[in-house]
Amino acid sequence: MHCPFCRHTDSRVVDSRVQEEGTVIRRRRQCPECGRRFGTVETATLSVIKRSGVTEPFSRDKVITGVRKACQGRPVTDDQLQVLAQQVEETIRSQGQAEVDAHEVGLAILEPLRCLDEVAYLRFASVYQAFDSLEDFEQAITLLRTEQDAQPAPPAGMR
């Protein structure tokens, strides 16, 4: 790290603080040459490799934009979409890779979206998984019903 004042090529870390749920580290540094202090911010980057081969930074906003289209007319709030985007990012970051394929992002969206709204899930899955026929929809709906039937029913007062 170059000193922004004298351009010396070294600096000493005086203090470090983790922020924004551990994705950002702020460091206070001191130059051994001129003695002045300055701050730096370090972030872990996560890149998405698109189908075209272009690489771009991961964006929660892009996740929200894509999912919002599937949620049109559904009782889903912006706060719920924010939480979903955070879950998707956490899922992807937990893989421990600096670059992920756009397909992996889509897969990471499916499960939290299914939990949020099944109709929006079917809409998103039909585009993302390129449903070609009614049979594709029927299979997805059958799978959803099977999973619902496997879950225990809520107590009588909670329905």
C-alpha atoms as a PDB file:
ATOM      1  CA  MET A   1       0.000   0.000   0.000  1.00  0.00           C
ATOM      2  CA  HIS A   2       1.536   3.311  -1.089  1.00  0.00           C
ATOM      3  CA  CYS A   3       1.336   6.274   1.260  1.00  0.00           C
ATOM      4  CA  PRO A   4      -1.041   8.814  -0.313  1.00  0.00           C
ATOM      5  CA  PHE A   5       1.098  11.681   1.019  1.00  0.00           C
ATOM      6  CA  CYS A   6       4.706  10.772   0.217  1.00  0.00           C
ATOM      7  CA  ARG A   7       4.158   7.718  -2.059  1.00  0.00           C
ATOM      8  CA  HIS A   8       6.384   5.529   0.140  1.00  0.00           C
ATOM      9  CA  THR A   9       5.816   1.888  -0.836  1.00  0.00           C
ATOM     10  CA  ASP A  10       5.207   0.570   2.674  1.00  0.00           C
ATOM     11  CA  SER A  11       2.833   1.235   5.546  1.00  0.00           C
ATOM     12  CA  ARG A  12       2.086  -0.243   8.951  1.00  0.00           C
ATOM     13  CA  VAL A  13      -1.408  -1.303  10.031  1.00  0.00           C
ATOM     14  CA  VAL A  14      -2.314   0.517  13.258  1.00  0.00           C
ATOM     15  CA  ASP A  15      -5.926  -0.657  13.620  1.00  0.00           C
ATOM     16  CA  SER A  16      -8.375  -2.964  11.782  1.00  0.00           C
ATOM     17  CA  ARG A  17     -12.155  -3.105  12.059  1.00  0.00           C
ATOM     18  CA  VAL A  18     -14.585  -5.516  10.451  1.00  0.00           C
ATOM     19  CA  GLN A  19     -17.783  -3.952   9.114  1.00  0.00           C
ATOM     20  CA  GLU A  20     -20.864  -4.812   7.055  1.00  0.00           C
ATOM     21  CA  GLU A  21     -21.261  -8.383   8.313  1.00  0.00           C
ATOM     22  CA  GLY A  22     -17.597  -9.217   7.740  1.00  0.00           C
ATOM     23  CA  THR A  23     -17.470  -8.306   4.050  1.00  0.00           C
ATOM     24  CA  VAL A  24     -15.520  -5.082   4.617  1.00  0.00           C
ATOM     25  CA  ILE A  25     -12.360  -4.406   6.625  1.00  0.00           C
ATOM     26  CA  ARG A  26     -11.352  -0.844   7.445  1.00  0.00           C
ATOM     27  CA  ARG A  27      -7.679  -0.411   8.278  1.00  0.00           C
ATOM     28  CA  ARG A  28      -5.925   2.562   9.832  1.00  0.00           C
ATOM     29  CA  ARG A  29      -2.355   2.732   8.508  1.00  0.00           C
ATOM     30  CA  GLN A  30       0.748   4.769   9.262  1.00  0.00           C
ATOM     31  CA  CYS A  31       3.583   5.540   6.873  1.00  0.00           C
ATOM     32  CA  PRO A  32       7.040   4.747   8.341  1.00  0.00           C
ATOM     33  CA  GLU A  33       8.604   7.398   6.083  1.00  0.00           C
ATOM     34  CA  CYS A  34       6.523  10.533   6.778  1.00  0.00           C
ATOM     35  CA  GLY A  35       4.638   9.316   9.887  1.00  0.00           C
ATOM     36  CA  ARG A  36       1.220  10.378   8.579  1.00  0.00           C
ATOM     37  CA  ARG A  37      -1.846   8.198   9.015  1.00  0.00           C
ATOM     38  CA  PHE A  38      -4.458   7.209   6.446  1.00  0.00           C
ATOM     39  CA  GLY A  39      -7.302   4.754   6.098  1.00  0.00           C
ATOM     40  CA  THR A  40      -8.005   1.962   3.634  1.00  0.00           C
ATOM     41  CA  VAL A  41     -11.057  -0.152   2.944  1.00  0.00           C
ATOM     42  CA  GLU A  42     -10.762  -3.762   1.820  1.00  0.00           C
ATOM     43  CA  THR A  43     -13.628  -5.722   0.331  1.00  0.00           C
ATOM     44  CA  ALA A  44     -13.862  -9.277  -0.901  1.00  0.00           C
ATOM     45  CA  THR A  45     -15.030  -9.182  -4.491  1.00  0.00           C
ATOM     46  CA  LEU A  46     -17.427 -11.701  -5.947  1.00  0.00           C
ATOM     47  CA  SER A  47     -17.647 -11.870  -9.723  1.00  0.00           C
ATOM     48  CA  VAL A  48     -20.276 -13.476 -11.919  1.00  0.00           C
ATOM     49  CA  ILE A  49     -19.327 -15.049 -15.236  1.00  0.00           C
ATOM     50  CA  LYS A  50     -22.185 -14.500 -17.670  1.00  0.00           C
ATOM     51  CA  ARG A  51     -23.120 -16.867 -20.513  1.00  0.00           C
ATOM     52  CA  SER A  52     -21.370 -14.558 -22.981  1.00  0.00           C
ATOM     53  CA  GLY A  53     -18.118 -14.985 -21.033  1.00  0.00           C
ATOM     54  CA  VAL A  54     -18.188 -11.429 -19.677  1.00  0.00           C
ATOM     55  CA  THR A  55     -17.344 -11.113 -15.984  1.00  0.00           C
ATOM     56  CA  GLU A  56     -19.079  -8.532 -13.800  1.00  0.00           C
ATOM     57  CA  PRO A  57     -19.347  -7.897 -10.055  1.00  0.00           C
ATOM     58  CA  PHE A  58     -22.142  -9.699  -8.190  1.00  0.00           C
ATOM     59  CA  SER A  59     -25.073  -7.367  -7.620  1.00  0.00           C
ATOM     60  CA  ARG A  60     -27.893  -7.892  -5.136  1.00  0.00           C
ATOM     61  CA  ASP A  61     -29.846  -5.301  -7.111  1.00  0.00           C
ATOM     62  CA  LYS A  62     -29.704  -7.508 -10.219  1.00  0.00           C
ATOM     63  CA  VAL A  63     -31.003 -10.458  -8.207  1.00  0.00           C
ATOM     64  CA  ILE A  64     -33.857  -8.310  -6.899  1.00  0.00           C
ATOM     65  CA  THR A  65     -34.678  -6.991 -10.380  1.00  0.00           C
ATOM     66  CA  GLY A  66     -34.867 -10.502 -11.822  1.00  0.00           C
ATOM     67  CA  VAL A  67     -36.936 -11.890  -8.976  1.00  0.00           C
ATOM     68  CA  ARG A  68     -39.224  -8.843  -8.860  1.00  0.00           C
ATOM     69  CA  LYS A  69     -40.443  -9.693 -12.381  1.00  0.00           C
ATOM     70  CA  ALA A  70     -41.467 -13.165 -11.195  1.00  0.00           C
ATOM     71  CA  CYS A  71     -43.174 -11.601  -8.152  1.00  0.00           C
ATOM     72  CA  GLN A  72     -45.365  -9.142 -10.093  1.00  0.00           C
ATOM     73  CA  GLY A  73     -48.868  -9.202  -8.665  1.00  0.00           C
ATOM     74  CA  ARG A  74     -47.793 -11.399  -5.746  1.00  0.00           C
ATOM     75  CA  PRO A  75     -47.874 -10.388  -2.061  1.00  0.00           C
ATOM     76  CA  VAL A  76     -44.094  -9.982  -1.804  1.00  0.00           C
ATOM     77  CA  THR A  77     -42.559  -6.871  -0.211  1.00  0.00           C
ATOM     78  CA  ASP A  78     -39.338  -5.068  -1.089  1.00  0.00           C
ATOM     79  CA  ASP A  79     -37.964  -6.036   2.333  1.00  0.00           C
ATOM     80  CA  GLN A  80     -38.578  -9.706   1.537  1.00  0.00           C
ATOM     81  CA  LEU A  81     -36.754  -9.286  -1.776  1.00  0.00           C
ATOM     82  CA  GLN A  82     -33.817  -7.649   0.040  1.00  0.00           C
ATOM     83  CA  VAL A  83     -33.620 -10.619   2.424  1.00  0.00           C
ATOM     84  CA  LEU A  84     -33.816 -13.049  -0.498  1.00  0.00           C
ATOM     85  CA  ALA A  85     -30.947 -11.268  -2.284  1.00  0.00           C
ATOM     86  CA  GLN A  86     -28.871 -11.410   0.908  1.00  0.00           C
ATOM     87  CA  GLN A  87     -29.565 -15.144   1.237  1.00  0.00           C
ATOM     88  CA  VAL A  88     -28.505 -15.683  -2.367  1.00  0.00           C
ATOM     89  CA  GLU A  89     -25.254 -13.773  -1.831  1.00  0.00           C
ATOM     90  CA  GLU A  90     -24.507 -15.685   1.377  1.00  0.00           C
ATOM     91  CA  THR A  91     -25.141 -18.992  -0.392  1.00  0.00           C
ATOM     92  CA  ILE A  92     -22.795 -18.074  -3.216  1.00  0.00           C
ATOM     93  CA  ARG A  93     -20.081 -16.695  -0.927  1.00  0.00           C
ATOM     94  CA  SER A  94     -20.237 -19.864   1.198  1.00  0.00           C
ATOM     95  CA  GLN A  95     -18.950 -21.784  -1.832  1.00  0.00           C
ATOM     96  CA  GLY A  96     -15.620 -20.040  -1.275  1.00  0.00           C
ATOM     97  CA  GLN A  97     -15.050 -18.986  -4.868  1.00  0.00           C
ATOM     98  CA  ALA A  98     -14.176 -15.513  -6.125  1.00  0.00           C
ATOM     99  CA  GLU A  99     -15.934 -16.156  -9.455  1.00  0.00           C
ATOM    100  CA  VAL A 100     -19.191 -18.008  -9.991  1.00  0.00           C
ATOM    101  CA  ASP A 101     -21.142 -18.865 -13.106  1.00  0.00           C
ATOM    102  CA  ALA A 102     -24.398 -16.977 -13.673  1.00  0.00           C
ATOM    103  CA  HIS A 103     -26.116 -20.366 -13.686  1.00  0.00           C
ATOM    104  CA  GLU A 104     -25.032 -20.860 -10.058  1.00  0.00           C
ATOM    105  CA  VAL A 105     -26.659 -17.552  -9.125  1.00  0.00           C
ATOM    106  CA  GLY A 106     -29.920 -18.732 -10.681  1.00  0.00           C
ATOM    107  CA  LEU A 107     -29.754 -22.012  -8.775  1.00  0.00           C
ATOM    108  CA  ALA A 108     -29.116 -20.119  -5.535  1.00  0.00           C
ATOM    109  CA  ILE A 109     -32.264 -18.039  -6.164  1.00  0.00           C
ATOM    110  CA  LEU A 110     -34.627 -20.983  -6.629  1.00  0.00           C
ATOM    111  CA  GLU A 111     -34.808 -22.344  -3.063  1.00  0.00           C
ATOM    112  CA  PRO A 112     -35.330 -19.062  -1.156  1.00  0.00           C
ATOM    113  CA  LEU A 113     -37.850 -17.969  -3.801  1.00  0.00           C
ATOM    114  CA  ARG A 114     -39.763 -21.238  -3.422  1.00  0.00           C
ATOM    115  CA  CYS A 115     -39.972 -20.616   0.326  1.00  0.00           C
ATOM    116  CA  LEU A 116     -41.086 -17.027  -0.250  1.00  0.00           C
ATOM    117  CA  ASP A 117     -43.782 -17.536  -2.896  1.00  0.00           C
ATOM    118  CA  GLU A 118     -44.486 -20.713  -4.851  1.00  0.00           C
ATOM    119  CA  VAL A 119     -46.188 -18.956  -7.769  1.00  0.00           C
ATOM    120  CA  ALA A 120     -43.225 -16.598  -8.191  1.00  0.00           C
ATOM    121  CA  TYR A 121     -40.954 -19.653  -7.916  1.00  0.00           C
ATOM    122  CA  LEU A 122     -42.802 -21.369 -10.774  1.00  0.00           C
ATOM    123  CA  ARG A 123     -42.608 -18.226 -12.895  1.00  0.00           C
ATOM    124  CA  PHE A 124     -38.878 -17.832 -12.284  1.00  0.00           C
ATOM    125  CA  ALA A 125     -38.158 -21.545 -12.731  1.00  0.00           C
ATOM    126  CA  SER A 126     -40.124 -21.677 -15.984  1.00  0.00           C
ATOM    127  CA  VAL A 127     -37.872 -19.040 -17.515  1.00  0.00           C
ATOM    128  CA  TYR A 128     -34.641 -20.019 -15.784  1.00  0.00           C
ATOM    129  CA  GLN A 129     -34.992 -23.744 -16.413  1.00  0.00           C
ATOM    130  CA  ALA A 130     -36.493 -23.145 -19.891  1.00  0.00           C
ATOM    131  CA  PHE A 131     -39.755 -25.044 -19.470  1.00  0.00           C
ATOM    132  CA  ASP A 132     -40.796 -26.230 -22.927  1.00  0.00           C
ATOM    133  CA  SER A 133     -44.148 -27.833 -22.269  1.00  0.00           C
ATOM    134  CA  LEU A 134     -47.048 -28.252 -19.906  1.00  0.00           C
ATOM    135  CA  GLU A 135     -45.367 -31.413 -18.657  1.00  0.00           C
ATOM    136  CA  ASP A 136     -42.478 -29.324 -17.330  1.00  0.00           C
ATOM    137  CA  PHE A 137     -44.939 -27.212 -15.331  1.00  0.00           C
ATOM    138  CA  GLU A 138     -46.790 -30.328 -14.158  1.00  0.00           C
ATOM    139  CA  GLN A 139     -43.563 -31.902 -12.933  1.00  0.00           C
ATOM    140  CA  ALA A 140     -42.613 -28.749 -11.024  1.00  0.00           C
ATOM    141  CA  ILE A 141     -46.091 -28.476  -9.479  1.00  0.00           C
ATOM    142  CA  THR A 142     -46.087 -32.184  -8.557  1.00  0.00           C
ATOM    143  CA  LEU A 143     -42.722 -31.728  -6.864  1.00  0.00           C
ATOM    144  CA  LEU A 144     -44.017 -28.719  -4.912  1.00  0.00           C
ATOM    145  CA  ARG A 145     -47.109 -30.673  -3.819  1.00  0.00           C
ATOM    146  CA  THR A 146     -45.008 -33.660  -2.773  1.00  0.00           C
ATOM    147  CA  GLU A 147     -42.788 -31.416  -0.668  1.00  0.00           C
ATOM    148  CA  GLN A 148     -45.862 -29.720   0.870  1.00  0.00           C
ATOM    149  CA  ASP A 149     -47.416 -33.085   1.746  1.00  0.00           C
ATOM    150  CA  ALA A 150     -44.165 -34.169   3.401  1.00  0.00           C
ATOM    151  CA  GLN A 151     -44.220 -31.157   5.744  1.00  0.00           C
ATOM    152  CA  PRO A 152     -46.135 -31.518   9.010  1.00  0.00           C
ATOM    153  CA  ALA A 153     -49.418 -29.614   9.137  1.00  0.00           C
ATOM    154  CA  PRO A 154     -49.485 -26.540  11.440  1.00  0.00           C
ATOM    155  CA  PRO A 155     -51.524 -26.828  14.656  1.00  0.00           C
ATOM    156  CA  ALA A 156     -55.283 -26.226  14.232  1.00  0.00           C
ATOM    157  CA  GLY A 157     -55.112 -22.702  15.730  1.00  0.00           C
ATOM    158  CA  MET A 158     -52.316 -21.626  13.355  1.00  0.00           C
ATOM    159  CA  ARG A 159     -54.000 -22.274   9.971  1.00  0.00           C
END
